[in-house]
Amino acid sequence: MFGAAELSAISYQYSAISYHLPAISNQQSVISNQQSAISYQLKRYAHAT
């Protein structure tokens, strides 16, 4: 069986992971937004030339 210290350490790790997950998904959406903005700029540049 786990002791109280081990259990609190495990629950702390879980809360840290669950805290970071939305930040990671936000980062991915920011990256995809930047990629679509870059491709939009490239299309505009291609039309301009």
N, C-alpha and C. Protein backbone atom coordinates (compact mmCIF):
# COMPACT_ATOMS: atom_id res chain seq x y z
N MET A 1 0.84 -1.20 0.00
CA MET A 1 0.00 0.00 0.00
C MET A 1 0.87 1.26 0.00
N PHE A 2 0.30 2.31 -0.52
CA PHE A 2 1.01 3.59 -0.52
C PHE A 2 0.87 4.26 0.84
N GLY A 3 1.90 5.00 1.21
CA GLY A 3 1.78 5.84 2.38
C GLY A 3 1.12 7.16 2.00
N ALA A 4 0.85 7.98 2.99
CA ALA A 4 0.20 9.27 2.73
C ALA A 4 1.09 10.18 1.89
N ALA A 5 2.40 10.12 2.14
CA ALA A 5 3.32 10.98 1.39
C ALA A 5 3.34 10.59 -0.08
N GLU A 6 3.38 9.28 -0.36
CA GLU A 6 3.38 8.84 -1.76
C GLU A 6 2.08 9.23 -2.46
N LEU A 7 0.96 9.06 -1.75
CA LEU A 7 -0.33 9.40 -2.35
C LEU A 7 -0.42 10.88 -2.67
N SER A 8 0.04 11.72 -1.76
CA SER A 8 -0.04 13.15 -2.02
C SER A 8 0.90 13.54 -3.16
N ALA A 9 2.05 12.87 -3.26
CA ALA A 9 2.96 13.15 -4.37
C ALA A 9 2.33 12.75 -5.70
N ILE A 10 1.66 11.59 -5.72
CA ILE A 10 1.00 11.14 -6.95
C ILE A 10 -0.13 12.09 -7.34
N SER A 11 -0.94 12.49 -6.37
CA SER A 11 -2.04 13.40 -6.69
C SER A 11 -1.51 14.76 -7.13
N TYR A 12 -0.37 15.17 -6.59
CA TYR A 12 0.24 16.43 -7.02
C TYR A 12 0.69 16.33 -8.47
N GLN A 13 1.28 15.19 -8.84
CA GLN A 13 1.70 14.99 -10.22
C GLN A 13 0.51 15.02 -11.17
N TYR A 14 -0.58 14.35 -10.77
CA TYR A 14 -1.77 14.35 -11.62
C TYR A 14 -2.32 15.76 -11.80
N SER A 15 -2.37 16.54 -10.72
CA SER A 15 -2.90 17.89 -10.84
C SER A 15 -1.98 18.76 -11.70
N ALA A 16 -0.67 18.54 -11.61
CA ALA A 16 0.26 19.29 -12.45
C ALA A 16 0.05 18.95 -13.91
N ILE A 17 -0.14 17.66 -14.21
CA ILE A 17 -0.37 17.24 -15.59
C ILE A 17 -1.68 17.82 -16.12
N SER A 18 -2.75 17.72 -15.33
CA SER A 18 -4.04 18.22 -15.79
C SER A 18 -4.01 19.74 -15.92
N TYR A 19 -3.15 20.41 -15.13
CA TYR A 19 -3.02 21.86 -15.26
C TYR A 19 -2.31 22.22 -16.56
N HIS A 20 -1.34 21.42 -16.97
CA HIS A 20 -0.58 21.72 -18.18
C HIS A 20 -1.30 21.34 -19.46
N LEU A 21 -2.25 20.41 -19.40
CA LEU A 21 -2.90 19.96 -20.63
C LEU A 21 -3.60 21.08 -21.39
N PRO A 22 -4.42 21.92 -20.76
CA PRO A 22 -5.03 23.01 -21.55
C PRO A 22 -4.01 23.97 -22.12
N ALA A 23 -2.90 24.19 -21.42
CA ALA A 23 -1.86 25.06 -21.96
C ALA A 23 -1.26 24.46 -23.23
N ILE A 24 -1.07 23.14 -23.23
CA ILE A 24 -0.53 22.47 -24.41
C ILE A 24 -1.49 22.58 -25.58
N SER A 25 -2.78 22.36 -25.33
CA SER A 25 -3.74 22.45 -26.43
C SER A 25 -3.87 23.88 -26.92
N ASN A 26 -3.75 24.87 -26.02
CA ASN A 26 -3.75 26.26 -26.45
C ASN A 26 -2.56 26.53 -27.36
N GLN A 27 -1.40 25.99 -27.00
CA GLN A 27 -0.20 26.17 -27.81
C GLN A 27 -0.40 25.59 -29.20
N GLN A 28 -1.03 24.41 -29.28
CA GLN A 28 -1.24 23.79 -30.58
C GLN A 28 -2.18 24.63 -31.44
N SER A 29 -3.23 25.20 -30.84
CA SER A 29 -4.14 26.02 -31.63
C SER A 29 -3.46 27.31 -32.07
N VAL A 30 -2.59 27.86 -31.24
CA VAL A 30 -1.83 29.05 -31.63
C VAL A 30 -0.93 28.73 -32.82
N ILE A 31 -0.27 27.58 -32.77
CA ILE A 31 0.61 27.18 -33.87
C ILE A 31 -0.18 27.00 -35.16
N SER A 32 -1.34 26.34 -35.08
CA SER A 32 -2.12 26.14 -36.30
C SER A 32 -2.67 27.46 -36.81
N ASN A 33 -3.01 28.39 -35.92
CA ASN A 33 -3.45 29.71 -36.36
C ASN A 33 -2.32 30.43 -37.09
N GLN A 34 -1.11 30.32 -36.57
CA GLN A 34 0.03 30.96 -37.22
C GLN A 34 0.30 30.34 -38.58
N GLN A 35 0.16 29.01 -38.68
CA GLN A 35 0.38 28.35 -39.96
C GLN A 35 -0.64 28.81 -40.99
N SER A 36 -1.91 28.94 -40.59
CA SER A 36 -2.92 29.38 -41.54
C SER A 36 -2.69 30.84 -41.93
N ALA A 37 -2.22 31.66 -41.00
CA ALA A 37 -1.92 33.05 -41.32
C ALA A 37 -0.76 33.13 -42.31
N ILE A 38 0.25 32.29 -42.12
CA ILE A 38 1.39 32.28 -43.04
C ILE A 38 0.96 31.84 -44.43
N SER A 39 0.13 30.80 -44.51
CA SER A 39 -0.30 30.34 -45.83
C SER A 39 -1.18 31.39 -46.50
N TYR A 40 -1.96 32.13 -45.71
CA TYR A 40 -2.78 33.21 -46.27
C TYR A 40 -1.89 34.30 -46.84
N GLN A 41 -0.85 34.67 -46.11
CA GLN A 41 0.08 35.68 -46.60
C GLN A 41 0.77 35.21 -47.88
N LEU A 42 1.14 33.93 -47.93
CA LEU A 42 1.80 33.40 -49.12
C LEU A 42 0.86 33.45 -50.33
N LYS A 43 -0.41 33.14 -50.12
CA LYS A 43 -1.37 33.22 -51.22
C LYS A 43 -1.51 34.65 -51.71
N ARG A 44 -1.59 35.61 -50.77
CA ARG A 44 -1.70 37.01 -51.17
C ARG A 44 -0.47 37.44 -51.95
N TYR A 45 0.70 36.98 -51.50
CA TYR A 45 1.94 37.34 -52.18
C TYR A 45 1.98 36.74 -53.57
N ALA A 46 1.50 35.51 -53.71
CA ALA A 46 1.49 34.87 -55.02
C ALA A 46 0.54 35.59 -55.97
N HIS A 47 -0.58 36.08 -55.45
CA HIS A 47 -1.51 36.81 -56.31
C HIS A 47 -0.95 38.18 -56.70
N ALA A 48 -0.15 38.76 -55.82
CA ALA A 48 0.37 40.10 -56.09
C ALA A 48 1.41 40.08 -57.19
N THR A 49 2.13 38.98 -57.32
CA THR A 49 3.21 38.94 -58.32
C THR A 49 2.69 38.50 -59.68
